[in-house]
Amino acid sequence: MDNTERNLISDCLANLGRDLLNEINEWGKPRWFDDNEYIVKQGQIIRHLPIVLSGAAKVYLSEANAQLLLYYIHPGATCIFSFAHLFGEKEVDFSALAEGKSLLLLLPMHKVREWLLKYRVLSDMILSEYQKHYNDLLETTRQLICNNLEGRLLAYLKTKAAISGNALLAISHQRIADDMATSREVISRVLKKMEHEGKVAQQGRKIKLISIE
C-alpha cells in the first residue's frame, strides 16, 4: 500500500479513529477497478467488505435478463447488502459495478467481524450506512411508482453528472437502457423529446445535461 492510498483511507475513514485505521491499513487491500468492471457479481460468495475510496460504484439486482439500478456508493461508503453476509457465507443476490475508474479498499470479512466487537465506531458507521442506503432504496421505489420514464431519466442523468462532476456525459443509450431496465429504442425516443424541450443536448456520443434544477 503506497502513501497515496494510505492518505485516501485516512481521508475517507477519518472518523474511525487511529487504532482502527492502523488495523485497516495492515489488513486492507486497495484495488483499482476499471469502468463497468464487476466489484461483486450476483451469485458470488463475498470474502471481503468493499469500501469506495475514489470514484463510485453502482449496485443493482438482476432478474429475468433485466436489471434494476438500486443506488450508487460514494467514497467512504460501502454496500448495505454486503453487511448481510458478514456472519455467514452464502451467494449474494446483487451485483456492484465500478462507475468510472475507481479505487476500492477490500477488508477481509473475518477481520471486519472482529472489529465490530472491538470498535463501537465501526458499528455506528454500519448503522449510518444502513440508514443512508435505506433512504436511497425508498427514493428508487418512489421514482418507480411516481415518476414517468422522463422524470426517472432526468434524475438518473443528474446523479451521473454529480458523480462525474461534469454535465457533459460520455454514456451510450444502451448503457442508460441497461441501468433503467428498458430498451435502447425507448431511451433514444425519450432523450429526443427531452432535447426538444431543452433539457438535454446530444453532442455526438455524449449527452449534455442542461436542466440542473
N, C-alpha and C. Protein backbone atom coordinates (compact mmCIF):
# COMPACT_ATOMS: atom_id res chain seq x y z
N MET A 1 0.84 -1.18 0.00
CA MET A 1 0.00 0.00 0.00
C MET A 1 0.89 1.25 0.00
N ASP A 2 0.71 2.15 -0.99
CA ASP A 2 1.56 3.33 -1.06
C ASP A 2 0.97 4.47 -0.23
N ASN A 3 1.72 5.57 -0.16
CA ASN A 3 1.29 6.70 0.67
C ASN A 3 0.00 7.35 0.18
N THR A 4 -0.16 7.39 -1.15
CA THR A 4 -1.39 7.98 -1.70
C THR A 4 -2.61 7.19 -1.25
N GLU A 5 -2.52 5.86 -1.28
CA GLU A 5 -3.62 5.01 -0.86
C GLU A 5 -3.88 5.16 0.64
N ARG A 6 -2.80 5.25 1.42
CA ARG A 6 -2.97 5.45 2.87
C ARG A 6 -3.66 6.78 3.16
N ASN A 7 -3.29 7.81 2.40
CA ASN A 7 -3.90 9.12 2.61
C ASN A 7 -5.39 9.10 2.26
N LEU A 8 -5.74 8.37 1.19
CA LEU A 8 -7.14 8.26 0.81
C LEU A 8 -7.94 7.55 1.90
N ILE A 9 -7.36 6.50 2.47
CA ILE A 9 -8.03 5.77 3.55
C ILE A 9 -8.24 6.70 4.74
N SER A 10 -7.19 7.45 5.09
CA SER A 10 -7.30 8.37 6.23
C SER A 10 -8.35 9.45 5.99
N ASP A 11 -8.41 9.96 4.74
CA ASP A 11 -9.39 11.00 4.42
C ASP A 11 -10.82 10.46 4.43
N CYS A 12 -11.01 9.29 3.82
CA CYS A 12 -12.36 8.74 3.70
C CYS A 12 -12.90 8.18 5.01
N LEU A 13 -12.00 7.65 5.84
CA LEU A 13 -12.42 6.95 7.06
C LEU A 13 -11.87 7.62 8.31
N ALA A 14 -11.71 8.92 8.26
CA ALA A 14 -11.09 9.66 9.37
C ALA A 14 -11.86 9.48 10.68
N ASN A 15 -13.16 9.29 10.60
CA ASN A 15 -13.97 9.20 11.82
C ASN A 15 -13.82 7.88 12.56
N LEU A 16 -13.10 6.94 11.97
CA LEU A 16 -12.97 5.62 12.60
C LEU A 16 -11.93 5.59 13.71
N GLY A 17 -11.08 6.60 13.79
CA GLY A 17 -10.09 6.64 14.87
C GLY A 17 -8.77 5.99 14.49
N ARG A 18 -7.71 6.39 15.17
CA ARG A 18 -6.35 5.96 14.81
C ARG A 18 -6.15 4.45 14.95
N ASP A 19 -6.63 3.85 16.03
CA ASP A 19 -6.38 2.43 16.28
C ASP A 19 -6.99 1.55 15.19
N LEU A 20 -8.24 1.82 14.87
CA LEU A 20 -8.89 1.03 13.82
C LEU A 20 -8.26 1.30 12.47
N LEU A 21 -7.91 2.55 12.19
CA LEU A 21 -7.26 2.87 10.91
C LEU A 21 -5.94 2.12 10.77
N ASN A 22 -5.20 1.98 11.86
CA ASN A 22 -3.94 1.24 11.81
C ASN A 22 -4.20 -0.22 11.41
N GLU A 23 -5.25 -0.80 11.95
CA GLU A 23 -5.57 -2.19 11.60
C GLU A 23 -6.06 -2.30 10.15
N ILE A 24 -6.83 -1.31 9.74
CA ILE A 24 -7.32 -1.30 8.36
C ILE A 24 -6.15 -1.18 7.38
N ASN A 25 -5.18 -0.32 7.71
CA ASN A 25 -4.00 -0.18 6.86
C ASN A 25 -3.20 -1.48 6.81
N GLU A 26 -3.23 -2.24 7.89
CA GLU A 26 -2.49 -3.50 7.92
C GLU A 26 -3.18 -4.60 7.12
N TRP A 27 -4.50 -4.68 7.22
CA TRP A 27 -5.22 -5.79 6.63
C TRP A 27 -5.91 -5.46 5.30
N GLY A 28 -6.20 -4.19 5.06
CA GLY A 28 -6.93 -3.82 3.86
C GLY A 28 -6.08 -3.91 2.60
N LYS A 29 -6.73 -4.23 1.50
CA LYS A 29 -6.06 -4.34 0.20
C LYS A 29 -6.70 -3.38 -0.79
N PRO A 30 -6.03 -2.27 -1.12
CA PRO A 30 -6.58 -1.36 -2.14
C PRO A 30 -6.52 -2.02 -3.52
N ARG A 31 -7.55 -1.79 -4.32
CA ARG A 31 -7.56 -2.34 -5.68
C ARG A 31 -8.30 -1.40 -6.61
N TRP A 32 -7.70 -1.16 -7.77
CA TRP A 32 -8.33 -0.33 -8.79
C TRP A 32 -9.26 -1.19 -9.64
N PHE A 33 -10.43 -0.64 -9.97
CA PHE A 33 -11.39 -1.28 -10.87
C PHE A 33 -11.62 -0.36 -12.05
N ASP A 34 -11.64 -0.94 -13.24
CA ASP A 34 -11.94 -0.15 -14.43
C ASP A 34 -13.43 0.15 -14.52
N ASP A 35 -13.77 1.13 -15.34
CA ASP A 35 -15.17 1.50 -15.54
C ASP A 35 -15.97 0.28 -15.96
N ASN A 36 -17.10 0.06 -15.29
CA ASN A 36 -18.04 -1.02 -15.60
C ASN A 36 -17.49 -2.41 -15.27
N GLU A 37 -16.41 -2.48 -14.49
CA GLU A 37 -15.87 -3.77 -14.06
C GLU A 37 -16.62 -4.24 -12.81
N TYR A 38 -16.87 -5.53 -12.75
CA TYR A 38 -17.57 -6.08 -11.58
C TYR A 38 -16.71 -5.96 -10.33
N ILE A 39 -17.31 -5.43 -9.28
CA ILE A 39 -16.73 -5.45 -7.94
C ILE A 39 -17.26 -6.67 -7.20
N VAL A 40 -18.55 -6.85 -7.31
CA VAL A 40 -19.24 -8.03 -6.79
C VAL A 40 -20.21 -8.48 -7.86
N LYS A 41 -20.27 -9.78 -8.09
CA LYS A 41 -21.19 -10.30 -9.10
C LYS A 41 -22.22 -11.21 -8.46
N GLN A 42 -23.46 -11.03 -8.86
CA GLN A 42 -24.54 -11.84 -8.31
C GLN A 42 -24.21 -13.32 -8.43
N GLY A 43 -24.37 -14.06 -7.33
CA GLY A 43 -24.05 -15.47 -7.31
C GLY A 43 -22.71 -15.79 -6.67
N GLN A 44 -21.88 -14.78 -6.45
CA GLN A 44 -20.59 -14.99 -5.80
C GLN A 44 -20.76 -15.07 -4.28
N ILE A 45 -19.71 -15.55 -3.62
CA ILE A 45 -19.62 -15.51 -2.17
C ILE A 45 -18.67 -14.37 -1.80
N ILE A 46 -19.10 -13.45 -0.96
CA ILE A 46 -18.30 -12.30 -0.57
C ILE A 46 -17.30 -12.70 0.51
N ARG A 47 -16.03 -12.44 0.26
CA ARG A 47 -14.99 -12.73 1.25
C ARG A 47 -14.33 -11.44 1.74
N HIS A 48 -14.68 -10.31 1.11
CA HIS A 48 -14.13 -9.01 1.50
C HIS A 48 -15.26 -8.00 1.54
N LEU A 49 -15.18 -7.08 2.49
CA LEU A 49 -16.11 -5.95 2.53
C LEU A 49 -15.48 -4.81 1.74
N PRO A 50 -16.10 -4.39 0.63
CA PRO A 50 -15.51 -3.32 -0.19
C PRO A 50 -15.95 -1.94 0.28
N ILE A 51 -14.99 -1.01 0.35
CA ILE A 51 -15.27 0.38 0.66
C ILE A 51 -14.71 1.24 -0.46
N VAL A 52 -15.52 2.14 -1.00
CA VAL A 52 -15.07 3.01 -2.10
C VAL A 52 -14.16 4.10 -1.55
N LEU A 53 -12.97 4.24 -2.13
CA LEU A 53 -12.04 5.29 -1.74
C LEU A 53 -12.05 6.45 -2.74
N SER A 54 -12.17 6.13 -4.02
CA SER A 54 -12.31 7.16 -5.05
C SER A 54 -13.14 6.58 -6.19
N GLY A 55 -13.79 7.49 -6.94
CA GLY A 55 -14.72 7.02 -7.96
C GLY A 55 -16.07 6.74 -7.34
N ALA A 56 -16.75 5.71 -7.83
CA ALA A 56 -18.07 5.34 -7.32
C ALA A 56 -18.40 3.93 -7.78
N ALA A 57 -19.46 3.38 -7.21
CA ALA A 57 -19.95 2.06 -7.62
C ALA A 57 -21.46 2.11 -7.70
N LYS A 58 -22.02 1.33 -8.60
CA LYS A 58 -23.48 1.24 -8.68
C LYS A 58 -23.90 -0.18 -8.30
N VAL A 59 -24.99 -0.26 -7.56
CA VAL A 59 -25.49 -1.54 -7.06
C VAL A 59 -26.83 -1.81 -7.73
N TYR A 60 -26.99 -3.04 -8.23
CA TYR A 60 -28.24 -3.37 -8.90
C TYR A 60 -28.60 -4.84 -8.70
N LEU A 61 -29.85 -5.15 -8.97
CA LEU A 61 -30.36 -6.52 -8.94
C LEU A 61 -30.66 -6.96 -10.36
N SER A 62 -30.43 -8.24 -10.64
CA SER A 62 -30.74 -8.81 -11.95
C SER A 62 -31.83 -9.87 -11.79
N GLU A 63 -32.79 -9.82 -12.69
CA GLU A 63 -33.88 -10.78 -12.65
C GLU A 63 -34.46 -10.93 -14.04
N ALA A 64 -34.52 -12.17 -14.54
CA ALA A 64 -35.14 -12.45 -15.84
C ALA A 64 -34.51 -11.58 -16.95
N ASN A 65 -33.19 -11.54 -16.99
CA ASN A 65 -32.44 -10.82 -18.03
C ASN A 65 -32.65 -9.31 -18.00
N ALA A 66 -33.16 -8.79 -16.88
CA ALA A 66 -33.30 -7.35 -16.70
C ALA A 66 -32.61 -6.96 -15.40
N GLN A 67 -32.16 -5.72 -15.32
CA GLN A 67 -31.51 -5.27 -14.10
C GLN A 67 -32.17 -3.99 -13.59
N LEU A 68 -32.16 -3.85 -12.27
CA LEU A 68 -32.74 -2.68 -11.64
C LEU A 68 -31.66 -1.98 -10.83
N LEU A 69 -31.35 -0.75 -11.22
CA LEU A 69 -30.37 0.05 -10.51
C LEU A 69 -30.96 0.47 -9.17
N LEU A 70 -30.25 0.17 -8.07
CA LEU A 70 -30.74 0.46 -6.73
C LEU A 70 -30.21 1.77 -6.20
N TYR A 71 -28.88 1.94 -6.21
CA TYR A 71 -28.27 3.16 -5.70
C TYR A 71 -26.79 3.17 -6.05
N TYR A 72 -26.14 4.31 -5.80
CA TYR A 72 -24.70 4.46 -6.01
C TYR A 72 -23.99 4.50 -4.66
N ILE A 73 -22.75 4.05 -4.64
CA ILE A 73 -21.91 4.12 -3.45
C ILE A 73 -20.80 5.13 -3.73
N HIS A 74 -20.63 6.08 -2.82
CA HIS A 74 -19.65 7.14 -2.98
C HIS A 74 -18.47 6.92 -2.03
N PRO A 75 -17.38 7.66 -2.20
CA PRO A 75 -16.19 7.47 -1.35
C PRO A 75 -16.50 7.50 0.14
N GLY A 76 -15.89 6.56 0.86
CA GLY A 76 -16.09 6.46 2.30
C GLY A 76 -17.25 5.56 2.68
N ALA A 77 -17.94 4.98 1.69
CA ALA A 77 -19.13 4.17 1.97
C ALA A 77 -18.98 2.78 1.39
N THR A 78 -19.82 1.89 1.87
CA THR A 78 -19.88 0.53 1.34
C THR A 78 -21.34 0.16 1.12
N CYS A 79 -21.58 -1.07 0.71
CA CYS A 79 -22.92 -1.51 0.32
C CYS A 79 -23.62 -2.20 1.47
N ILE A 80 -24.86 -1.82 1.75
CA ILE A 80 -25.58 -2.43 2.86
C ILE A 80 -25.81 -3.92 2.62
N PHE A 81 -25.93 -4.34 1.37
CA PHE A 81 -26.15 -5.75 1.10
C PHE A 81 -24.94 -6.59 1.52
N SER A 82 -23.74 -5.98 1.47
CA SER A 82 -22.54 -6.70 1.90
C SER A 82 -22.60 -7.02 3.39
N PHE A 83 -23.20 -6.14 4.18
CA PHE A 83 -23.26 -6.35 5.63
C PHE A 83 -24.04 -7.62 5.97
N ALA A 84 -25.02 -7.97 5.14
CA ALA A 84 -25.84 -9.14 5.41
C ALA A 84 -25.04 -10.43 5.33
N HIS A 85 -23.84 -10.35 4.74
CA HIS A 85 -23.01 -11.54 4.56
C HIS A 85 -21.81 -11.57 5.51
N LEU A 86 -21.83 -10.70 6.50
CA LEU A 86 -20.73 -10.66 7.46
C LEU A 86 -20.66 -11.91 8.31
N PHE A 87 -21.81 -12.49 8.63
CA PHE A 87 -21.84 -13.60 9.58
C PHE A 87 -22.29 -14.92 8.95
N GLY A 88 -22.09 -15.03 7.67
CA GLY A 88 -22.41 -16.29 7.00
C GLY A 88 -22.03 -16.23 5.55
N GLU A 89 -21.47 -17.32 5.04
CA GLU A 89 -21.07 -17.38 3.64
C GLU A 89 -22.21 -17.94 2.80
N LYS A 90 -22.76 -17.09 1.95
CA LYS A 90 -23.79 -17.53 1.02
C LYS A 90 -23.69 -16.66 -0.23
N GLU A 91 -24.24 -17.17 -1.31
CA GLU A 91 -24.18 -16.44 -2.57
C GLU A 91 -24.97 -15.14 -2.48
N VAL A 92 -24.40 -14.08 -3.03
CA VAL A 92 -25.07 -12.78 -2.97
C VAL A 92 -26.13 -12.67 -4.05
N ASP A 93 -27.15 -11.87 -3.78
CA ASP A 93 -28.24 -11.69 -4.73
C ASP A 93 -28.24 -10.29 -5.33
N PHE A 94 -27.06 -9.68 -5.43
CA PHE A 94 -26.91 -8.36 -6.04
C PHE A 94 -25.57 -8.30 -6.76
N SER A 95 -25.39 -7.28 -7.57
CA SER A 95 -24.11 -7.02 -8.24
C SER A 95 -23.71 -5.58 -8.01
N ALA A 96 -22.41 -5.32 -8.09
CA ALA A 96 -21.89 -3.96 -8.00
C ALA A 96 -20.84 -3.76 -9.08
N LEU A 97 -20.94 -2.66 -9.80
CA LEU A 97 -20.01 -2.32 -10.87
C LEU A 97 -19.33 -0.99 -10.58
N ALA A 98 -18.08 -0.87 -10.99
CA ALA A 98 -17.37 0.40 -10.85
C ALA A 98 -17.98 1.43 -11.79
N GLU A 99 -18.17 2.62 -11.29
CA GLU A 99 -18.69 3.75 -12.08
C GLU A 99 -17.51 4.66 -12.38
N GLY A 100 -16.90 4.48 -13.55
CA GLY A 100 -15.64 5.14 -13.84
C GLY A 100 -14.51 4.38 -13.15
N LYS A 101 -13.28 4.74 -13.45
CA LYS A 101 -12.14 4.08 -12.80
C LYS A 101 -12.18 4.40 -11.31
N SER A 102 -12.22 3.36 -10.49
CA SER A 102 -12.47 3.55 -9.06
C SER A 102 -11.50 2.74 -8.22
N LEU A 103 -11.12 3.32 -7.07
CA LEU A 103 -10.25 2.63 -6.12
C LEU A 103 -11.09 2.17 -4.94
N LEU A 104 -11.01 0.88 -4.64
CA LEU A 104 -11.76 0.32 -3.52
C LEU A 104 -10.80 -0.31 -2.52
N LEU A 105 -11.20 -0.29 -1.28
CA LEU A 105 -10.46 -0.95 -0.21
C LEU A 105 -11.21 -2.22 0.15
N LEU A 106 -10.52 -3.37 0.05
CA LEU A 106 -11.13 -4.65 0.34
C LEU A 106 -10.69 -5.12 1.72
N LEU A 107 -11.64 -5.27 2.63
CA LEU A 107 -11.36 -5.66 4.01
C LEU A 107 -11.81 -7.11 4.21
N PRO A 108 -10.92 -7.98 4.73
CA PRO A 108 -11.31 -9.38 4.97
C PRO A 108 -12.50 -9.47 5.91
N MET A 109 -13.48 -10.27 5.55
CA MET A 109 -14.70 -10.38 6.34
C MET A 109 -14.40 -10.84 7.77
N HIS A 110 -13.45 -11.76 7.96
CA HIS A 110 -13.20 -12.27 9.31
C HIS A 110 -12.63 -11.18 10.22
N LYS A 111 -11.87 -10.22 9.62
CA LYS A 111 -11.35 -9.11 10.42
C LYS A 111 -12.47 -8.11 10.73
N VAL A 112 -13.35 -7.87 9.76
CA VAL A 112 -14.46 -6.94 10.00
C VAL A 112 -15.33 -7.45 11.15
N ARG A 113 -15.56 -8.76 11.20
CA ARG A 113 -16.34 -9.33 12.30
C ARG A 113 -15.66 -9.07 13.64
N GLU A 114 -14.34 -9.20 13.68
CA GLU A 114 -13.59 -8.91 14.91
C GLU A 114 -13.72 -7.44 15.29
N TRP A 115 -13.57 -6.57 14.29
CA TRP A 115 -13.58 -5.13 14.56
C TRP A 115 -14.95 -4.65 15.04
N LEU A 116 -16.02 -5.30 14.58
CA LEU A 116 -17.36 -4.91 15.02
C LEU A 116 -17.51 -5.08 16.53
N LEU A 117 -16.88 -6.10 17.07
CA LEU A 117 -16.94 -6.33 18.51
C LEU A 117 -15.95 -5.45 19.28
N LYS A 118 -14.89 -5.08 18.61
CA LYS A 118 -13.80 -4.35 19.28
C LYS A 118 -13.98 -2.84 19.21
N TYR A 119 -14.57 -2.34 18.13
CA TYR A 119 -14.66 -0.90 17.90
C TYR A 119 -16.11 -0.48 17.69
N ARG A 120 -16.65 0.25 18.64
CA ARG A 120 -18.03 0.73 18.55
C ARG A 120 -18.22 1.64 17.34
N VAL A 121 -17.18 2.39 17.00
CA VAL A 121 -17.29 3.35 15.91
C VAL A 121 -17.61 2.66 14.58
N LEU A 122 -17.13 1.41 14.40
CA LEU A 122 -17.42 0.69 13.17
C LEU A 122 -18.89 0.28 13.12
N SER A 123 -19.44 -0.15 14.25
CA SER A 123 -20.87 -0.47 14.31
C SER A 123 -21.72 0.76 13.99
N ASP A 124 -21.29 1.91 14.52
CA ASP A 124 -22.03 3.15 14.24
C ASP A 124 -21.99 3.49 12.75
N MET A 125 -20.83 3.27 12.12
CA MET A 125 -20.70 3.54 10.70
C MET A 125 -21.64 2.65 9.90
N ILE A 126 -21.71 1.37 10.26
CA ILE A 126 -22.57 0.45 9.53
C ILE A 126 -24.04 0.82 9.68
N LEU A 127 -24.44 1.20 10.89
CA LEU A 127 -25.82 1.64 11.10
C LEU A 127 -26.14 2.89 10.28
N SER A 128 -25.17 3.80 10.20
CA SER A 128 -25.36 5.01 9.41
C SER A 128 -25.51 4.68 7.93
N GLU A 129 -24.69 3.72 7.44
CA GLU A 129 -24.79 3.32 6.04
C GLU A 129 -26.13 2.64 5.76
N TYR A 130 -26.60 1.83 6.68
CA TYR A 130 -27.91 1.21 6.52
C TYR A 130 -28.99 2.29 6.33
N GLN A 131 -28.95 3.31 7.17
CA GLN A 131 -29.95 4.36 7.10
C GLN A 131 -29.88 5.10 5.78
N LYS A 132 -28.66 5.44 5.35
CA LYS A 132 -28.49 6.18 4.11
C LYS A 132 -29.01 5.39 2.91
N HIS A 133 -28.58 4.13 2.81
CA HIS A 133 -28.97 3.35 1.64
C HIS A 133 -30.44 2.91 1.71
N TYR A 134 -30.97 2.79 2.92
CA TYR A 134 -32.41 2.55 3.05
C TYR A 134 -33.17 3.72 2.45
N ASN A 135 -32.71 4.94 2.71
CA ASN A 135 -33.34 6.13 2.12
C ASN A 135 -33.18 6.13 0.60
N ASP A 136 -32.00 5.69 0.14
CA ASP A 136 -31.78 5.59 -1.31
C ASP A 136 -32.76 4.62 -1.95
N LEU A 137 -32.98 3.47 -1.29
CA LEU A 137 -33.91 2.48 -1.81
C LEU A 137 -35.35 3.02 -1.83
N LEU A 138 -35.71 3.78 -0.80
CA LEU A 138 -37.03 4.41 -0.79
C LEU A 138 -37.18 5.38 -1.94
N GLU A 139 -36.12 6.14 -2.23
CA GLU A 139 -36.17 7.10 -3.34
C GLU A 139 -36.29 6.37 -4.67
N THR A 140 -35.55 5.26 -4.83
CA THR A 140 -35.67 4.47 -6.05
C THR A 140 -37.09 3.95 -6.23
N THR A 141 -37.67 3.45 -5.14
CA THR A 141 -39.04 2.95 -5.19
C THR A 141 -40.02 4.08 -5.52
N ARG A 142 -39.81 5.24 -4.92
CA ARG A 142 -40.69 6.39 -5.18
C ARG A 142 -40.64 6.78 -6.65
N GLN A 143 -39.43 6.79 -7.22
CA GLN A 143 -39.30 7.15 -8.63
C GLN A 143 -40.01 6.15 -9.53
N LEU A 144 -39.89 4.85 -9.19
CA LEU A 144 -40.54 3.82 -10.00
C LEU A 144 -42.06 3.95 -9.96
N ILE A 145 -42.59 4.31 -8.78
CA ILE A 145 -44.04 4.38 -8.61
C ILE A 145 -44.61 5.70 -9.12
N CYS A 146 -43.91 6.79 -8.81
CA CYS A 146 -44.50 8.12 -9.02
C CYS A 146 -44.05 8.82 -10.30
N ASN A 147 -42.84 8.54 -10.77
CA ASN A 147 -42.32 9.28 -11.91
C ASN A 147 -42.48 8.51 -13.20
N ASN A 148 -42.76 9.24 -14.28
CA ASN A 148 -42.72 8.61 -15.58
C ASN A 148 -41.26 8.42 -15.99
N LEU A 149 -41.04 7.78 -17.12
CA LEU A 149 -39.68 7.45 -17.54
C LEU A 149 -38.84 8.70 -17.75
N GLU A 150 -39.46 9.77 -18.26
CA GLU A 150 -38.71 11.00 -18.48
C GLU A 150 -38.19 11.57 -17.16
N GLY A 151 -39.03 11.56 -16.13
CA GLY A 151 -38.60 12.05 -14.82
C GLY A 151 -37.50 11.20 -14.23
N ARG A 152 -37.62 9.89 -14.37
CA ARG A 152 -36.58 8.99 -13.87
C ARG A 152 -35.27 9.19 -14.62
N LEU A 153 -35.38 9.39 -15.94
CA LEU A 153 -34.18 9.57 -16.74
C LEU A 153 -33.47 10.87 -16.38
N LEU A 154 -34.23 11.92 -16.14
CA LEU A 154 -33.63 13.20 -15.76
C LEU A 154 -32.92 13.06 -14.41
N ALA A 155 -33.54 12.38 -13.46
CA ALA A 155 -32.92 12.16 -12.15
C ALA A 155 -31.66 11.32 -12.30
N TYR A 156 -31.71 10.34 -13.17
CA TYR A 156 -30.55 9.48 -13.44
C TYR A 156 -29.38 10.30 -13.99
N LEU A 157 -29.67 11.15 -14.98
CA LEU A 157 -28.61 11.96 -15.59
C LEU A 157 -28.02 12.95 -14.59
N LYS A 158 -28.85 13.51 -13.71
CA LYS A 158 -28.36 14.42 -12.69
C LYS A 158 -27.41 13.70 -11.73
N THR A 159 -27.75 12.46 -11.38
CA THR A 159 -26.88 11.68 -10.50
C THR A 159 -25.55 11.40 -11.18
N LYS A 160 -25.60 11.03 -12.44
CA LYS A 160 -24.37 10.76 -13.19
C LYS A 160 -23.50 12.01 -13.28
N ALA A 161 -24.13 13.16 -13.50
CA ALA A 161 -23.39 14.42 -13.59
C ALA A 161 -22.75 14.77 -12.25
N ALA A 162 -23.46 14.51 -11.15
CA ALA A 162 -22.92 14.79 -9.82
C ALA A 162 -21.72 13.90 -9.52
N ILE A 163 -21.78 12.63 -9.94
CA ILE A 163 -20.68 11.70 -9.70
C ILE A 163 -19.45 12.10 -10.49
N SER A 164 -19.65 12.45 -11.77
CA SER A 164 -18.51 12.77 -12.63
C SER A 164 -18.04 14.21 -12.48
N GLY A 165 -18.90 15.08 -11.90
CA GLY A 165 -18.56 16.49 -11.79
C GLY A 165 -18.59 17.20 -13.13
N ASN A 166 -19.36 16.65 -14.06
CA ASN A 166 -19.39 17.20 -15.42
C ASN A 166 -20.80 17.01 -15.98
N ALA A 167 -21.37 18.07 -16.55
CA ALA A 167 -22.71 18.00 -17.14
C ALA A 167 -22.68 17.36 -18.52
N LEU A 168 -21.48 17.16 -19.09
CA LEU A 168 -21.34 16.50 -20.39
C LEU A 168 -20.98 15.04 -20.13
N LEU A 169 -21.90 14.14 -20.42
CA LEU A 169 -21.77 12.74 -20.05
C LEU A 169 -21.44 11.87 -21.26
N ALA A 170 -20.34 11.13 -21.15
CA ALA A 170 -19.96 10.19 -22.20
C ALA A 170 -20.60 8.84 -21.87
N ILE A 171 -21.85 8.68 -22.27
CA ILE A 171 -22.59 7.47 -21.93
C ILE A 171 -23.50 7.10 -23.09
N SER A 172 -23.56 5.82 -23.40
CA SER A 172 -24.36 5.37 -24.54
C SER A 172 -25.82 5.19 -24.15
N HIS A 173 -26.67 5.24 -25.15
CA HIS A 173 -28.09 5.00 -24.92
C HIS A 173 -28.31 3.59 -24.39
N GLN A 174 -27.50 2.63 -24.86
CA GLN A 174 -27.65 1.25 -24.42
C GLN A 174 -27.32 1.10 -22.94
N ARG A 175 -26.27 1.79 -22.49
CA ARG A 175 -25.91 1.68 -21.07
C ARG A 175 -27.00 2.30 -20.19
N ILE A 176 -27.56 3.40 -20.62
CA ILE A 176 -28.66 4.00 -19.88
C ILE A 176 -29.83 3.03 -19.82
N ALA A 177 -30.14 2.42 -20.96
CA ALA A 177 -31.25 1.47 -21.03
C ALA A 177 -31.01 0.30 -20.07
N ASP A 178 -29.79 -0.20 -20.02
CA ASP A 178 -29.47 -1.31 -19.11
C ASP A 178 -29.70 -0.90 -17.65
N ASP A 179 -29.24 0.31 -17.31
CA ASP A 179 -29.39 0.79 -15.93
C ASP A 179 -30.85 1.00 -15.55
N MET A 180 -31.67 1.35 -16.53
CA MET A 180 -33.05 1.71 -16.24
C MET A 180 -34.04 0.61 -16.62
N ALA A 181 -33.50 -0.56 -16.97
CA ALA A 181 -34.34 -1.74 -17.26
C ALA A 181 -35.36 -1.47 -18.36
N THR A 182 -34.88 -0.89 -19.46
CA THR A 182 -35.75 -0.66 -20.60
C THR A 182 -34.93 -0.88 -21.87
N SER A 183 -35.45 -0.50 -23.02
CA SER A 183 -34.74 -0.74 -24.28
C SER A 183 -34.02 0.51 -24.75
N ARG A 184 -33.02 0.31 -25.60
CA ARG A 184 -32.27 1.44 -26.16
C ARG A 184 -33.18 2.33 -26.99
N GLU A 185 -34.11 1.73 -27.72
CA GLU A 185 -35.01 2.49 -28.57
C GLU A 185 -35.89 3.43 -27.74
N VAL A 186 -36.35 2.94 -26.60
CA VAL A 186 -37.18 3.78 -25.73
C VAL A 186 -36.36 4.94 -25.18
N ILE A 187 -35.13 4.68 -24.74
CA ILE A 187 -34.27 5.74 -24.21
C ILE A 187 -33.98 6.77 -25.29
N SER A 188 -33.69 6.32 -26.50
CA SER A 188 -33.40 7.26 -27.60
C SER A 188 -34.61 8.15 -27.87
N ARG A 189 -35.79 7.58 -27.82
CA ARG A 189 -37.02 8.35 -28.08
C ARG A 189 -37.24 9.39 -26.97
N VAL A 190 -37.05 8.99 -25.72
CA VAL A 190 -37.26 9.92 -24.61
C VAL A 190 -36.20 11.02 -24.63
N LEU A 191 -34.96 10.68 -24.93
CA LEU A 191 -33.90 11.69 -25.00
C LEU A 191 -34.18 12.70 -26.11
N LYS A 192 -34.71 12.23 -27.22
CA LYS A 192 -35.03 13.14 -28.32
C LYS A 192 -36.11 14.12 -27.87
N LYS A 193 -37.10 13.63 -27.14
CA LYS A 193 -38.16 14.50 -26.61
C LYS A 193 -37.58 15.50 -25.61
N MET A 194 -36.70 15.05 -24.74
CA MET A 194 -36.08 15.93 -23.76
C MET A 194 -35.19 16.97 -24.43
N GLU A 195 -34.56 16.59 -25.54
CA GLU A 195 -33.74 17.56 -26.28
C GLU A 195 -34.63 18.64 -26.89
N HIS A 196 -35.76 18.24 -27.42
CA HIS A 196 -36.71 19.20 -28.00
C HIS A 196 -37.22 20.17 -26.92
N GLU A 197 -37.33 19.68 -25.68
CA GLU A 197 -37.81 20.51 -24.57
C GLU A 197 -36.71 21.35 -23.94
N GLY A 198 -35.48 21.19 -24.42
CA GLY A 198 -34.36 21.98 -23.92
C GLY A 198 -33.77 21.48 -22.61
N LYS A 199 -34.02 20.22 -22.27
CA LYS A 199 -33.49 19.66 -21.02
C LYS A 199 -32.12 19.03 -21.20
N VAL A 200 -31.85 18.52 -22.40
CA VAL A 200 -30.55 17.92 -22.71
C VAL A 200 -30.16 18.32 -24.12
N ALA A 201 -28.89 18.12 -24.43
CA ALA A 201 -28.39 18.30 -25.80
C ALA A 201 -27.50 17.11 -26.11
N GLN A 202 -27.77 16.46 -27.23
CA GLN A 202 -26.96 15.32 -27.62
C GLN A 202 -25.88 15.78 -28.58
N GLN A 203 -24.64 15.57 -28.13
CA GLN A 203 -23.47 16.02 -28.90
C GLN A 203 -22.64 14.80 -29.28
N GLY A 204 -22.89 14.28 -30.49
CA GLY A 204 -22.20 13.08 -30.92
C GLY A 204 -22.60 11.91 -30.04
N ARG A 205 -21.60 11.30 -29.39
CA ARG A 205 -21.87 10.17 -28.49
C ARG A 205 -22.00 10.61 -27.03
N LYS A 206 -22.12 11.92 -26.82
CA LYS A 206 -22.23 12.44 -25.46
C LYS A 206 -23.58 13.13 -25.26
N ILE A 207 -23.98 13.22 -24.00
CA ILE A 207 -25.24 13.87 -23.63
C ILE A 207 -24.93 15.00 -22.67
N LYS A 208 -25.34 16.20 -23.01
CA LYS A 208 -25.13 17.34 -22.13
C LYS A 208 -26.40 17.63 -21.38
N LEU A 209 -26.28 17.64 -20.05
CA LEU A 209 -27.43 17.93 -19.19
C LEU A 209 -27.59 19.43 -19.09
N ILE A 210 -28.72 19.96 -19.52
CA ILE A 210 -28.98 21.40 -19.48
C ILE A 210 -29.84 21.75 -18.27
N SER A 211 -30.86 20.92 -17.98
CA SER A 211 -31.73 21.16 -16.83
C SER A 211 -31.07 20.60 -15.59
N ILE A 212 -30.64 21.48 -14.68
CA ILE A 212 -29.94 21.03 -13.47
C ILE A 212 -30.69 21.42 -12.19
N GLU A 213 -31.87 21.99 -12.33
CA GLU A 213 -32.63 22.40 -11.15
C GLU A 213 -33.25 21.17 -10.49
